[in-house]
Each structure stands twice: as C-alpha cells, then as structure tokens.
Amino acid sequence: MQADALLSQDELDFIQDMQHSPQLNLADPMSSLQVNGDRRLKDLLTRLVASEQVTLQASYNNQQLSFPLQLVEDEFHALHLQLGSPDIYEDGPMLRPWRLSLERPAALLDDHGRPSALWVRDISFKGVLLEVRGLPEAPVQFALRFTAEGIPPIGLHGALRRRIGPTLAAYDLSNTPAEEIERLREYILQAHRQAHPELHAQPPTPL
C-alpha cells in the first residue's frame, strides 16, 4: 500500500464488507417518511399520531391502500414518523380487503407441523376462505398455523363467519394476535407486489 494512502487495507476491507452486508438492505424504503411543511401542522400531526390511529390513504386502479402512521424514537431520542405495512382493499359494491388466491390450496398446520383438515384457498389480513377435507362440517373455530414458501409459519385464530356449501367456509381472523396479523399483512403486501408490480415499481433515480 502507498505510504500516502488515506485508509489502511484493514479500513478498506471493513468498508467493502459494510457495502456488501445484507443488513443494509433490510430497511424498507417505504417505511421512513419525511414530513415537510408548517411547524404547527407537523406538531399537530405528531400529536394525532401519538394519541390516535392515523392512516395515509391512497387509491389506485380500483384498489385502496391504507398506510398506518407510527411514531418511532431513534437512538438520539428524536421522534420520527414511519409508515407501516398497508391494509389493501378492493373497490366494488362494498369495500373489502384484497384477497390473495392461492394457486394450490395450502393446509393449515398444527403445533407439530402436521397438516390439518383445513386448507387455505383465499386469504387476506381480515379473513380466510378454507376448504374442509375429511370432516363432516367446518369447525366453529380454529387455532392453526399458515405457512407459505419463504416465510415462517404464521399463527392464525379463526372464527367461523359462514359455511359455503359442503366443503368451503369463511373465517374471521380478528382473534389472531396483533403481531401475527402484522406478519400476515407483510406477507399479503409481498404477494400484492408480485401481482401488481406496476404499482410497487421504484421511481427512476434523479440524475
């Protein structure tokens, strides 16, 4: 190494390791939101987010996306507004959550990882449409785990909403723990990105 070099080889190696670290790609570019405007409006928005459920609404191609706004504190104890994973709805005669239809039904698993008699056909962050196999009728409730390729199992608690014919039943997921619903919401968002890449495409970087 040249004597007048600004960085040692160890320092250069450290910088290169940081640039290629997967941790640098974990932050979602959608999660951080900078708010510009009148100071009084910013203070009002901060107070509202701190005390109430505040969302950012967007409409696109007969769909509505509702982003929760949250206050987070950094290591310097400064507060920042952050976007959470959105709730996605479909417009129509009535507004309903966007549902992911699985190409092939997936069995819900018990605590030991064994498939149950309930198979997921459609799923949203609010409810799930199940196919019932090998049971005389759909159970009134269930506590099972949903898994899909690339994600750890998500614990779901379902309450029967209605039976649809002899083999299908719709369940409400409102009794599912909040942290599991958040993981389900993130999974639904990833599926929505694949189904609608034009909506989630990154804007061109300004020169």
N, C-alpha and C. Protein backbone atom coordinates (compact mmCIF):
# COMPACT_ATOMS: atom_id res chain seq x y z
N MET A 1 0.84 -1.19 0.00
CA MET A 1 0.00 0.00 0.00
C MET A 1 0.87 1.24 0.00
N GLN A 2 0.44 2.28 -0.70
CA GLN A 2 1.23 3.50 -0.79
C GLN A 2 1.29 4.20 0.56
N ALA A 3 2.43 4.85 0.83
CA ALA A 3 2.64 5.48 2.14
C ALA A 3 1.67 6.61 2.39
N ASP A 4 1.22 7.32 1.29
CA ASP A 4 0.34 8.47 1.49
C ASP A 4 -1.14 8.10 1.37
N ALA A 5 -1.46 6.81 1.42
CA ALA A 5 -2.86 6.39 1.33
C ALA A 5 -3.63 6.90 2.55
N LEU A 6 -4.89 7.33 2.32
CA LEU A 6 -5.71 7.87 3.41
C LEU A 6 -6.23 6.76 4.32
N LEU A 7 -6.46 5.57 3.75
CA LEU A 7 -7.02 4.46 4.52
C LEU A 7 -6.09 3.26 4.48
N SER A 8 -6.05 2.55 5.59
CA SER A 8 -5.27 1.31 5.62
C SER A 8 -6.04 0.21 4.89
N GLN A 9 -5.37 -0.92 4.62
CA GLN A 9 -6.04 -2.02 3.94
C GLN A 9 -7.16 -2.59 4.80
N ASP A 10 -6.95 -2.64 6.13
CA ASP A 10 -8.00 -3.13 7.02
C ASP A 10 -9.23 -2.24 6.97
N GLU A 11 -9.01 -0.92 6.90
CA GLU A 11 -10.13 0.01 6.82
C GLU A 11 -10.87 -0.14 5.50
N LEU A 12 -10.16 -0.31 4.41
CA LEU A 12 -10.79 -0.52 3.11
C LEU A 12 -11.61 -1.81 3.11
N ASP A 13 -11.03 -2.87 3.70
CA ASP A 13 -11.76 -4.14 3.77
C ASP A 13 -13.04 -4.00 4.58
N PHE A 14 -12.98 -3.23 5.67
CA PHE A 14 -14.17 -3.03 6.50
C PHE A 14 -15.26 -2.31 5.73
N ILE A 15 -14.89 -1.26 4.98
CA ILE A 15 -15.87 -0.50 4.19
C ILE A 15 -16.50 -1.40 3.13
N GLN A 16 -15.68 -2.22 2.47
CA GLN A 16 -16.22 -3.12 1.45
C GLN A 16 -17.18 -4.13 2.07
N ASP A 17 -16.83 -4.64 3.25
CA ASP A 17 -17.73 -5.58 3.92
C ASP A 17 -19.06 -4.92 4.26
N MET A 18 -19.02 -3.66 4.70
CA MET A 18 -20.25 -2.94 5.03
C MET A 18 -21.11 -2.73 3.79
N GLN A 19 -20.47 -2.41 2.65
CA GLN A 19 -21.22 -2.17 1.42
C GLN A 19 -21.95 -3.42 0.94
N HIS A 20 -21.37 -4.59 1.22
CA HIS A 20 -21.97 -5.83 0.76
C HIS A 20 -22.76 -6.54 1.86
N SER A 21 -22.92 -5.88 2.99
CA SER A 21 -23.66 -6.51 4.08
C SER A 21 -25.14 -6.55 3.76
N PRO A 22 -25.81 -7.72 3.94
CA PRO A 22 -27.25 -7.79 3.69
C PRO A 22 -28.05 -6.94 4.64
N GLN A 23 -27.46 -6.58 5.81
CA GLN A 23 -28.20 -5.75 6.75
C GLN A 23 -28.55 -4.40 6.16
N LEU A 24 -27.76 -3.93 5.20
CA LEU A 24 -28.03 -2.62 4.61
C LEU A 24 -29.29 -2.62 3.77
N ASN A 25 -29.75 -3.79 3.37
CA ASN A 25 -30.92 -3.88 2.51
C ASN A 25 -32.17 -4.26 3.28
N LEU A 26 -32.09 -4.35 4.61
CA LEU A 26 -33.25 -4.78 5.37
C LEU A 26 -34.28 -3.67 5.52
N ALA A 27 -33.86 -2.44 5.54
CA ALA A 27 -34.80 -1.34 5.73
C ALA A 27 -35.66 -1.16 4.50
N ASP A 28 -36.96 -1.10 4.70
CA ASP A 28 -37.90 -0.88 3.61
C ASP A 28 -37.88 0.59 3.25
N PRO A 29 -37.61 0.97 1.99
CA PRO A 29 -37.59 2.38 1.63
C PRO A 29 -38.94 3.05 1.84
N MET A 30 -40.03 2.25 1.93
CA MET A 30 -41.35 2.82 2.16
C MET A 30 -41.58 3.14 3.63
N SER A 31 -40.70 2.63 4.54
CA SER A 31 -41.02 2.70 5.95
C SER A 31 -40.73 4.05 6.57
N SER A 32 -39.85 4.83 5.96
CA SER A 32 -39.47 6.11 6.53
C SER A 32 -40.13 7.23 5.76
N LEU A 33 -40.68 8.20 6.47
CA LEU A 33 -41.44 9.27 5.85
C LEU A 33 -40.98 10.60 6.41
N GLN A 34 -40.51 11.48 5.54
CA GLN A 34 -40.10 12.81 5.96
C GLN A 34 -41.24 13.77 5.68
N VAL A 35 -41.62 14.54 6.69
CA VAL A 35 -42.74 15.46 6.57
C VAL A 35 -42.22 16.89 6.53
N ASN A 36 -42.53 17.59 5.44
CA ASN A 36 -42.17 18.99 5.32
C ASN A 36 -43.43 19.84 5.42
N GLY A 37 -43.29 21.06 5.89
CA GLY A 37 -44.44 21.94 5.99
C GLY A 37 -44.36 22.81 7.22
N ASP A 38 -45.46 23.51 7.46
CA ASP A 38 -45.55 24.41 8.60
C ASP A 38 -45.30 23.66 9.91
N ARG A 39 -44.53 24.26 10.80
CA ARG A 39 -44.17 23.61 12.07
C ARG A 39 -45.42 23.27 12.88
N ARG A 40 -46.42 24.14 12.86
CA ARG A 40 -47.63 23.88 13.65
C ARG A 40 -48.38 22.67 13.10
N LEU A 41 -48.40 22.51 11.77
CA LEU A 41 -49.05 21.35 11.18
C LEU A 41 -48.30 20.06 11.53
N LYS A 42 -46.97 20.13 11.53
CA LYS A 42 -46.18 18.96 11.89
C LYS A 42 -46.42 18.58 13.35
N ASP A 43 -46.49 19.60 14.24
CA ASP A 43 -46.76 19.32 15.65
C ASP A 43 -48.14 18.71 15.84
N LEU A 44 -49.13 19.22 15.08
CA LEU A 44 -50.48 18.67 15.17
C LEU A 44 -50.51 17.22 14.70
N LEU A 45 -49.84 16.93 13.58
CA LEU A 45 -49.80 15.57 13.07
C LEU A 45 -49.12 14.64 14.06
N THR A 46 -48.04 15.11 14.69
CA THR A 46 -47.32 14.30 15.67
C THR A 46 -48.22 13.97 16.86
N ARG A 47 -48.97 14.96 17.35
CA ARG A 47 -49.87 14.72 18.49
C ARG A 47 -50.97 13.74 18.11
N LEU A 48 -51.51 13.87 16.89
CA LEU A 48 -52.56 12.96 16.45
C LEU A 48 -52.06 11.53 16.35
N VAL A 49 -50.87 11.36 15.76
CA VAL A 49 -50.31 10.02 15.61
C VAL A 49 -50.01 9.40 16.98
N ALA A 50 -49.60 10.24 17.93
CA ALA A 50 -49.27 9.74 19.26
C ALA A 50 -50.50 9.27 20.03
N SER A 51 -51.66 9.86 19.75
CA SER A 51 -52.85 9.57 20.56
C SER A 51 -53.95 8.85 19.80
N GLU A 52 -53.92 8.86 18.47
CA GLU A 52 -54.99 8.25 17.69
C GLU A 52 -54.40 7.37 16.60
N GLN A 53 -55.25 6.55 15.98
CA GLN A 53 -54.83 5.76 14.82
C GLN A 53 -54.96 6.63 13.58
N VAL A 54 -53.83 6.99 12.99
CA VAL A 54 -53.79 7.86 11.82
C VAL A 54 -53.28 7.06 10.63
N THR A 55 -53.95 7.20 9.49
CA THR A 55 -53.55 6.45 8.30
C THR A 55 -53.38 7.39 7.12
N LEU A 56 -52.56 6.96 6.18
CA LEU A 56 -52.39 7.65 4.91
C LEU A 56 -53.10 6.83 3.85
N GLN A 57 -54.08 7.44 3.16
CA GLN A 57 -54.91 6.72 2.20
C GLN A 57 -54.46 7.02 0.78
N ALA A 58 -54.48 5.97 -0.06
CA ALA A 58 -54.15 6.13 -1.47
C ALA A 58 -55.08 5.23 -2.28
N SER A 59 -55.47 5.70 -3.47
CA SER A 59 -56.34 4.92 -4.36
C SER A 59 -55.60 4.68 -5.67
N TYR A 60 -55.74 3.46 -6.19
CA TYR A 60 -55.07 3.11 -7.44
C TYR A 60 -55.80 1.95 -8.09
N ASN A 61 -56.26 2.14 -9.32
CA ASN A 61 -56.79 1.05 -10.15
C ASN A 61 -57.81 0.20 -9.38
N ASN A 62 -58.85 0.88 -8.85
CA ASN A 62 -59.92 0.19 -8.11
C ASN A 62 -59.43 -0.49 -6.83
N GLN A 63 -58.33 -0.01 -6.29
CA GLN A 63 -57.84 -0.52 -5.02
C GLN A 63 -57.51 0.65 -4.10
N GLN A 64 -57.65 0.42 -2.83
CA GLN A 64 -57.30 1.42 -1.84
C GLN A 64 -56.24 0.85 -0.90
N LEU A 65 -55.23 1.66 -0.64
CA LEU A 65 -54.16 1.27 0.29
C LEU A 65 -54.20 2.21 1.48
N SER A 66 -54.20 1.64 2.66
CA SER A 66 -54.27 2.42 3.89
C SER A 66 -53.02 2.15 4.72
N PHE A 67 -52.11 3.15 4.78
CA PHE A 67 -50.83 3.00 5.48
C PHE A 67 -50.96 3.56 6.90
N PRO A 68 -50.72 2.75 7.93
CA PRO A 68 -50.72 3.30 9.30
C PRO A 68 -49.47 4.16 9.53
N LEU A 69 -49.66 5.28 10.18
CA LEU A 69 -48.54 6.15 10.57
C LEU A 69 -48.21 5.88 12.04
N GLN A 70 -46.92 5.73 12.31
CA GLN A 70 -46.47 5.42 13.66
C GLN A 70 -45.34 6.35 14.04
N LEU A 71 -45.25 6.62 15.33
CA LEU A 71 -44.13 7.40 15.86
C LEU A 71 -43.07 6.44 16.38
N VAL A 72 -41.83 6.61 15.93
CA VAL A 72 -40.72 5.80 16.42
C VAL A 72 -39.64 6.73 16.96
N GLU A 73 -38.93 6.25 17.97
CA GLU A 73 -37.86 7.03 18.61
C GLU A 73 -36.51 6.45 18.23
N ASP A 74 -35.60 7.31 17.75
CA ASP A 74 -34.29 6.82 17.36
C ASP A 74 -33.35 6.81 18.56
N GLU A 75 -32.08 6.46 18.30
CA GLU A 75 -31.12 6.34 19.41
C GLU A 75 -30.80 7.68 20.06
N PHE A 76 -31.14 8.79 19.36
CA PHE A 76 -30.91 10.13 19.93
C PHE A 76 -32.17 10.69 20.58
N HIS A 77 -33.20 9.81 20.75
CA HIS A 77 -34.47 10.17 21.38
C HIS A 77 -35.27 11.19 20.56
N ALA A 78 -34.98 11.23 19.26
CA ALA A 78 -35.78 12.07 18.37
C ALA A 78 -36.91 11.23 17.81
N LEU A 79 -38.09 11.85 17.65
CA LEU A 79 -39.26 11.15 17.14
C LEU A 79 -39.36 11.31 15.63
N HIS A 80 -39.71 10.23 14.96
CA HIS A 80 -39.88 10.25 13.51
C HIS A 80 -41.19 9.56 13.15
N LEU A 81 -41.81 10.04 12.07
CA LEU A 81 -42.98 9.36 11.54
C LEU A 81 -42.54 8.21 10.65
N GLN A 82 -43.21 7.08 10.78
CA GLN A 82 -42.86 5.90 10.00
C GLN A 82 -44.13 5.28 9.44
N LEU A 83 -44.03 4.81 8.18
CA LEU A 83 -45.14 4.12 7.55
C LEU A 83 -45.08 2.64 7.89
N GLY A 84 -46.23 2.07 8.28
CA GLY A 84 -46.33 0.64 8.47
C GLY A 84 -46.80 -0.04 7.19
N SER A 85 -46.84 -1.37 7.20
CA SER A 85 -47.34 -2.12 6.05
C SER A 85 -48.81 -1.78 5.85
N PRO A 86 -49.24 -1.58 4.60
CA PRO A 86 -50.60 -1.10 4.36
C PRO A 86 -51.66 -2.19 4.46
N ASP A 87 -52.88 -1.78 4.78
CA ASP A 87 -54.06 -2.61 4.55
C ASP A 87 -54.50 -2.33 3.12
N ILE A 88 -54.76 -3.38 2.35
CA ILE A 88 -55.10 -3.24 0.94
C ILE A 88 -56.55 -3.67 0.74
N TYR A 89 -57.35 -2.80 0.11
CA TYR A 89 -58.76 -3.07 -0.11
C TYR A 89 -59.09 -3.03 -1.59
N GLU A 90 -60.16 -3.73 -1.96
CA GLU A 90 -60.69 -3.70 -3.32
C GLU A 90 -61.96 -2.87 -3.34
N ASP A 91 -62.07 -1.97 -4.34
CA ASP A 91 -63.31 -1.24 -4.53
C ASP A 91 -64.34 -2.15 -5.17
N GLY A 92 -65.60 -1.83 -4.97
CA GLY A 92 -66.68 -2.62 -5.55
C GLY A 92 -67.99 -2.18 -4.94
N PRO A 93 -69.04 -3.01 -5.03
CA PRO A 93 -70.30 -2.65 -4.36
C PRO A 93 -70.09 -2.36 -2.89
N MET A 94 -69.11 -3.04 -2.27
CA MET A 94 -68.68 -2.71 -0.91
C MET A 94 -67.18 -2.89 -0.83
N LEU A 95 -66.56 -2.06 0.00
CA LEU A 95 -65.11 -2.12 0.16
C LEU A 95 -64.75 -3.39 0.94
N ARG A 96 -63.82 -4.19 0.42
CA ARG A 96 -63.42 -5.40 1.12
C ARG A 96 -61.91 -5.57 1.00
N PRO A 97 -61.30 -6.26 1.98
CA PRO A 97 -59.85 -6.46 1.92
C PRO A 97 -59.44 -7.22 0.67
N TRP A 98 -58.28 -6.82 0.12
CA TRP A 98 -57.73 -7.53 -1.04
C TRP A 98 -57.34 -8.94 -0.61
N ARG A 99 -57.79 -9.93 -1.39
CA ARG A 99 -57.56 -11.32 -1.04
C ARG A 99 -56.54 -11.95 -1.99
N LEU A 100 -55.63 -12.69 -1.41
CA LEU A 100 -54.68 -13.47 -2.19
C LEU A 100 -55.29 -14.84 -2.44
N SER A 101 -55.48 -15.19 -3.71
CA SER A 101 -55.97 -16.52 -4.07
C SER A 101 -54.77 -17.41 -4.37
N LEU A 102 -54.63 -18.49 -3.61
CA LEU A 102 -53.51 -19.39 -3.79
C LEU A 102 -53.71 -20.25 -5.04
N GLU A 103 -52.64 -20.44 -5.80
CA GLU A 103 -52.73 -21.29 -6.99
C GLU A 103 -53.11 -22.71 -6.60
N ARG A 104 -52.57 -23.19 -5.49
CA ARG A 104 -52.92 -24.50 -4.95
C ARG A 104 -53.24 -24.33 -3.48
N PRO A 105 -54.35 -24.92 -2.99
CA PRO A 105 -54.67 -24.79 -1.57
C PRO A 105 -53.51 -25.27 -0.69
N ALA A 106 -53.32 -24.59 0.43
CA ALA A 106 -52.25 -24.93 1.38
C ALA A 106 -52.88 -25.33 2.70
N ALA A 107 -52.46 -26.47 3.24
CA ALA A 107 -53.02 -26.96 4.51
C ALA A 107 -52.54 -26.09 5.66
N LEU A 108 -53.45 -25.75 6.57
CA LEU A 108 -53.06 -25.17 7.84
C LEU A 108 -52.42 -26.26 8.70
N LEU A 109 -51.39 -25.89 9.46
CA LEU A 109 -50.62 -26.87 10.22
C LEU A 109 -50.94 -26.77 11.71
N ASP A 110 -50.84 -27.92 12.41
CA ASP A 110 -50.98 -27.89 13.86
C ASP A 110 -49.65 -27.52 14.50
N ASP A 111 -49.58 -27.57 15.84
CA ASP A 111 -48.37 -27.15 16.55
C ASP A 111 -47.18 -28.05 16.27
N HIS A 112 -47.44 -29.24 15.77
CA HIS A 112 -46.35 -30.18 15.46
C HIS A 112 -45.98 -30.16 13.98
N GLY A 113 -46.55 -29.22 13.23
CA GLY A 113 -46.23 -29.10 11.82
C GLY A 113 -46.97 -30.09 10.93
N ARG A 114 -47.98 -30.75 11.48
CA ARG A 114 -48.74 -31.71 10.68
C ARG A 114 -49.92 -31.02 10.01
N PRO A 115 -50.23 -31.39 8.75
CA PRO A 115 -51.36 -30.76 8.06
C PRO A 115 -52.69 -31.11 8.71
N SER A 116 -53.57 -30.09 8.76
CA SER A 116 -54.90 -30.28 9.32
C SER A 116 -55.88 -30.58 8.19
N ALA A 117 -57.17 -30.62 8.52
CA ALA A 117 -58.22 -30.84 7.52
C ALA A 117 -58.67 -29.53 6.88
N LEU A 118 -58.05 -28.41 7.27
CA LEU A 118 -58.44 -27.09 6.75
C LEU A 118 -57.37 -26.59 5.80
N TRP A 119 -57.79 -26.25 4.58
CA TRP A 119 -56.87 -25.85 3.52
C TRP A 119 -57.22 -24.45 3.04
N VAL A 120 -56.21 -23.59 2.97
CA VAL A 120 -56.41 -22.18 2.58
C VAL A 120 -56.61 -22.08 1.07
N ARG A 121 -57.69 -21.41 0.69
CA ARG A 121 -57.95 -21.10 -0.72
C ARG A 121 -57.65 -19.62 -1.00
N ASP A 122 -58.26 -18.73 -0.21
CA ASP A 122 -58.04 -17.29 -0.29
C ASP A 122 -57.72 -16.78 1.10
N ILE A 123 -56.87 -15.72 1.15
CA ILE A 123 -56.53 -15.17 2.47
C ILE A 123 -56.31 -13.67 2.35
N SER A 124 -56.76 -12.94 3.36
CA SER A 124 -56.50 -11.51 3.49
C SER A 124 -56.07 -11.25 4.93
N PHE A 125 -55.80 -9.98 5.25
CA PHE A 125 -55.39 -9.68 6.62
C PHE A 125 -56.58 -9.70 7.58
N LYS A 126 -57.80 -9.85 7.04
CA LYS A 126 -59.01 -9.86 7.87
C LYS A 126 -59.64 -11.25 7.98
N GLY A 127 -59.50 -12.06 6.93
CA GLY A 127 -60.20 -13.34 6.94
C GLY A 127 -59.57 -14.33 5.97
N VAL A 128 -60.13 -15.54 5.98
CA VAL A 128 -59.58 -16.61 5.15
C VAL A 128 -60.73 -17.50 4.67
N LEU A 129 -60.63 -17.93 3.42
CA LEU A 129 -61.58 -18.90 2.85
C LEU A 129 -60.90 -20.26 2.87
N LEU A 130 -61.52 -21.23 3.55
CA LEU A 130 -60.92 -22.54 3.74
C LEU A 130 -61.71 -23.62 3.03
N GLU A 131 -60.97 -24.60 2.54
CA GLU A 131 -61.57 -25.83 2.03
C GLU A 131 -61.47 -26.88 3.13
N VAL A 132 -62.60 -27.52 3.44
CA VAL A 132 -62.65 -28.50 4.52
C VAL A 132 -62.57 -29.90 3.92
N ARG A 133 -61.58 -30.66 4.38
CA ARG A 133 -61.37 -32.01 3.86
C ARG A 133 -61.45 -33.03 5.00
N GLY A 134 -62.29 -34.05 4.80
CA GLY A 134 -62.32 -35.16 5.76
C GLY A 134 -63.05 -34.88 7.05
N LEU A 135 -63.81 -33.80 7.13
CA LEU A 135 -64.61 -33.51 8.30
C LEU A 135 -66.08 -33.42 7.89
N PRO A 136 -67.01 -33.78 8.78
CA PRO A 136 -68.43 -33.69 8.42
C PRO A 136 -68.89 -32.26 8.17
N GLU A 137 -68.29 -31.29 8.85
CA GLU A 137 -68.61 -29.89 8.63
C GLU A 137 -67.46 -29.02 9.14
N ALA A 138 -67.47 -27.77 8.73
CA ALA A 138 -66.41 -26.84 9.14
C ALA A 138 -66.50 -26.57 10.63
N PRO A 139 -65.37 -26.57 11.36
CA PRO A 139 -65.39 -26.27 12.80
C PRO A 139 -65.77 -24.82 13.07
N VAL A 140 -66.26 -24.58 14.27
CA VAL A 140 -66.69 -23.23 14.66
C VAL A 140 -65.49 -22.30 14.79
N GLN A 141 -64.36 -22.81 15.22
CA GLN A 141 -63.16 -22.01 15.34
C GLN A 141 -61.93 -22.89 15.17
N PHE A 142 -60.78 -22.24 14.96
CA PHE A 142 -59.53 -22.99 14.85
C PHE A 142 -58.37 -22.12 15.35
N ALA A 143 -57.29 -22.79 15.74
CA ALA A 143 -56.02 -22.13 16.08
C ALA A 143 -54.94 -22.98 15.42
N LEU A 144 -54.52 -22.56 14.24
CA LEU A 144 -53.58 -23.32 13.44
C LEU A 144 -52.56 -22.36 12.83
N ARG A 145 -51.63 -22.92 12.08
CA ARG A 145 -50.55 -22.10 11.53
C ARG A 145 -50.58 -22.14 10.01
N PHE A 146 -50.45 -20.95 9.41
CA PHE A 146 -50.39 -20.82 7.96
C PHE A 146 -48.94 -20.65 7.55
N THR A 147 -48.53 -21.40 6.54
CA THR A 147 -47.17 -21.26 6.05
C THR A 147 -47.20 -21.25 4.53
N ALA A 148 -46.25 -20.55 3.97
CA ALA A 148 -46.08 -20.49 2.52
C ALA A 148 -44.59 -20.45 2.25
N GLU A 149 -44.23 -20.65 1.00
CA GLU A 149 -42.82 -20.71 0.65
C GLU A 149 -42.10 -19.43 1.04
N GLY A 150 -41.01 -19.58 1.77
CA GLY A 150 -40.18 -18.44 2.09
C GLY A 150 -40.55 -17.70 3.36
N ILE A 151 -41.59 -18.13 4.09
CA ILE A 151 -41.96 -17.44 5.33
C ILE A 151 -42.09 -18.43 6.47
N PRO A 152 -41.75 -18.03 7.70
CA PRO A 152 -42.02 -18.89 8.85
C PRO A 152 -43.54 -18.98 9.06
N PRO A 153 -44.01 -20.03 9.74
CA PRO A 153 -45.45 -20.18 9.98
C PRO A 153 -46.04 -18.99 10.72
N ILE A 154 -47.25 -18.62 10.33
CA ILE A 154 -47.99 -17.52 10.97
C ILE A 154 -49.16 -18.13 11.73
N GLY A 155 -49.22 -17.89 13.04
CA GLY A 155 -50.30 -18.42 13.86
C GLY A 155 -51.60 -17.68 13.63
N LEU A 156 -52.65 -18.40 13.24
CA LEU A 156 -53.95 -17.80 12.95
C LEU A 156 -55.01 -18.36 13.90
N HIS A 157 -55.88 -17.48 14.40
CA HIS A 157 -57.05 -17.87 15.18
C HIS A 157 -58.28 -17.46 14.38
N GLY A 158 -59.05 -18.44 13.91
CA GLY A 158 -60.19 -18.15 13.07
C GLY A 158 -61.51 -18.46 13.76
N ALA A 159 -62.52 -17.62 13.50
CA ALA A 159 -63.88 -17.84 13.98
C ALA A 159 -64.79 -17.94 12.77
N LEU A 160 -65.62 -18.97 12.73
CA LEU A 160 -66.48 -19.22 11.58
C LEU A 160 -67.41 -18.04 11.33
N ARG A 161 -67.39 -17.55 10.09
CA ARG A 161 -68.31 -16.49 9.68
C ARG A 161 -69.50 -17.08 8.96
N ARG A 162 -69.24 -17.97 8.00
CA ARG A 162 -70.34 -18.66 7.31
C ARG A 162 -69.80 -19.87 6.56
N ARG A 163 -70.65 -20.87 6.42
CA ARG A 163 -70.34 -22.04 5.61
C ARG A 163 -70.83 -21.80 4.19
N ILE A 164 -70.02 -22.22 3.22
CA ILE A 164 -70.35 -22.00 1.81
C ILE A 164 -70.39 -23.38 1.15
N GLY A 165 -71.57 -23.95 1.07
CA GLY A 165 -71.68 -25.28 0.50
C GLY A 165 -71.10 -26.32 1.44
N PRO A 166 -70.90 -27.55 0.94
CA PRO A 166 -70.46 -28.64 1.81
C PRO A 166 -68.98 -28.61 2.17
N THR A 167 -68.14 -27.91 1.39
CA THR A 167 -66.69 -28.03 1.61
C THR A 167 -65.96 -26.70 1.82
N LEU A 168 -66.64 -25.58 1.73
CA LEU A 168 -65.98 -24.28 1.89
C LEU A 168 -66.55 -23.53 3.08
N ALA A 169 -65.69 -22.74 3.74
CA ALA A 169 -66.13 -21.94 4.87
C ALA A 169 -65.26 -20.69 4.97
N ALA A 170 -65.89 -19.58 5.34
CA ALA A 170 -65.18 -18.31 5.53
C ALA A 170 -65.00 -18.05 7.02
N TYR A 171 -63.79 -17.64 7.40
CA TYR A 171 -63.45 -17.39 8.80
C TYR A 171 -62.94 -15.98 8.99
N ASP A 172 -63.30 -15.41 10.12
CA ASP A 172 -62.80 -14.11 10.55
C ASP A 172 -61.53 -14.32 11.36
N LEU A 173 -60.52 -13.44 11.16
CA LEU A 173 -59.24 -13.59 11.84
C LEU A 173 -59.01 -12.54 12.93
N SER A 174 -60.08 -11.88 13.38
CA SER A 174 -59.91 -10.78 14.33
C SER A 174 -59.38 -11.23 15.69
N ASN A 175 -59.48 -12.51 16.02
CA ASN A 175 -58.95 -13.01 17.30
C ASN A 175 -57.47 -13.39 17.21
N THR A 176 -56.88 -13.26 16.04
CA THR A 176 -55.46 -13.56 15.86
C THR A 176 -54.61 -12.50 16.57
N PRO A 177 -53.55 -12.88 17.28
CA PRO A 177 -52.69 -11.88 17.94
C PRO A 177 -52.17 -10.83 16.96
N ALA A 178 -52.02 -9.61 17.46
CA ALA A 178 -51.66 -8.47 16.61
C ALA A 178 -50.33 -8.68 15.90
N GLU A 179 -49.35 -9.30 16.59
CA GLU A 179 -48.05 -9.49 15.95
C GLU A 179 -48.13 -10.48 14.79
N GLU A 180 -49.04 -11.46 14.90
CA GLU A 180 -49.22 -12.42 13.81
C GLU A 180 -49.96 -11.77 12.64
N ILE A 181 -50.92 -10.91 12.94
CA ILE A 181 -51.62 -10.18 11.88
C ILE A 181 -50.65 -9.27 11.14
N GLU A 182 -49.71 -8.66 11.87
CA GLU A 182 -48.73 -7.80 11.22
C GLU A 182 -47.85 -8.62 10.27
N ARG A 183 -47.47 -9.81 10.67
CA ARG A 183 -46.69 -10.67 9.79
C ARG A 183 -47.52 -11.11 8.58
N LEU A 184 -48.81 -11.38 8.80
CA LEU A 184 -49.69 -11.74 7.69
C LEU A 184 -49.85 -10.55 6.74
N ARG A 185 -49.98 -9.36 7.31
CA ARG A 185 -50.12 -8.15 6.47
C ARG A 185 -48.88 -7.96 5.59
N GLU A 186 -47.71 -8.22 6.15
CA GLU A 186 -46.48 -8.09 5.37
C GLU A 186 -46.44 -9.15 4.26
N TYR A 187 -46.88 -10.36 4.57
CA TYR A 187 -46.93 -11.41 3.55
C TYR A 187 -47.90 -11.03 2.42
N ILE A 188 -49.06 -10.50 2.79
CA ILE A 188 -50.05 -10.07 1.79
C ILE A 188 -49.46 -8.96 0.93
N LEU A 189 -48.72 -8.04 1.55
CA LEU A 189 -48.10 -6.95 0.79
C LEU A 189 -47.10 -7.50 -0.22
N GLN A 190 -46.28 -8.47 0.17
CA GLN A 190 -45.33 -9.06 -0.76
C GLN A 190 -46.06 -9.72 -1.93
N ALA A 191 -47.16 -10.40 -1.64
CA ALA A 191 -47.95 -11.04 -2.71
C ALA A 191 -48.57 -9.99 -3.62
N HIS A 192 -49.00 -8.88 -3.04
CA HIS A 192 -49.58 -7.79 -3.84
C HIS A 192 -48.53 -7.18 -4.75
N ARG A 193 -47.30 -7.08 -4.27
CA ARG A 193 -46.21 -6.57 -5.10
C ARG A 193 -45.99 -7.45 -6.32
N GLN A 194 -46.08 -8.76 -6.13
CA GLN A 194 -45.90 -9.66 -7.27
C GLN A 194 -47.08 -9.59 -8.24
N ALA A 195 -48.29 -9.42 -7.69
CA ALA A 195 -49.48 -9.37 -8.54
C ALA A 195 -49.61 -8.04 -9.27
N HIS A 196 -49.10 -6.96 -8.67
CA HIS A 196 -49.23 -5.62 -9.25
C HIS A 196 -47.86 -4.92 -9.24
N PRO A 197 -46.91 -5.41 -10.02
CA PRO A 197 -45.56 -4.81 -10.00
C PRO A 197 -45.55 -3.36 -10.46
N GLU A 198 -46.52 -2.97 -11.29
CA GLU A 198 -46.54 -1.60 -11.80
C GLU A 198 -46.80 -0.61 -10.67
N LEU A 199 -47.52 -1.03 -9.64
CA LEU A 199 -47.81 -0.14 -8.51
C LEU A 199 -46.61 0.01 -7.59
N HIS A 200 -45.83 -1.05 -7.44
CA HIS A 200 -44.73 -1.06 -6.49
C HIS A 200 -43.38 -0.79 -7.11
N ALA A 201 -43.35 -0.50 -8.43
CA ALA A 201 -42.08 -0.25 -9.11
C ALA A 201 -41.40 0.97 -8.51
N GLN A 202 -40.08 0.89 -8.39
CA GLN A 202 -39.31 2.01 -7.85
C GLN A 202 -39.30 3.15 -8.87
N PRO A 203 -39.51 4.40 -8.45
CA PRO A 203 -39.41 5.53 -9.38
C PRO A 203 -37.96 5.70 -9.85
N PRO A 204 -37.77 6.27 -11.04
CA PRO A 204 -36.39 6.48 -11.54
C PRO A 204 -35.61 7.41 -10.61
N THR A 205 -34.34 7.11 -10.43
CA THR A 205 -33.48 7.95 -9.59
C THR A 205 -33.08 9.21 -10.34
N PRO A 206 -33.33 10.40 -9.76
CA PRO A 206 -32.95 11.64 -10.44
C PRO A 206 -31.45 11.73 -10.63
N LEU A 207 -31.04 12.29 -11.76
CA LEU A 207 -29.62 12.46 -12.06
C LEU A 207 -29.08 13.71 -11.37
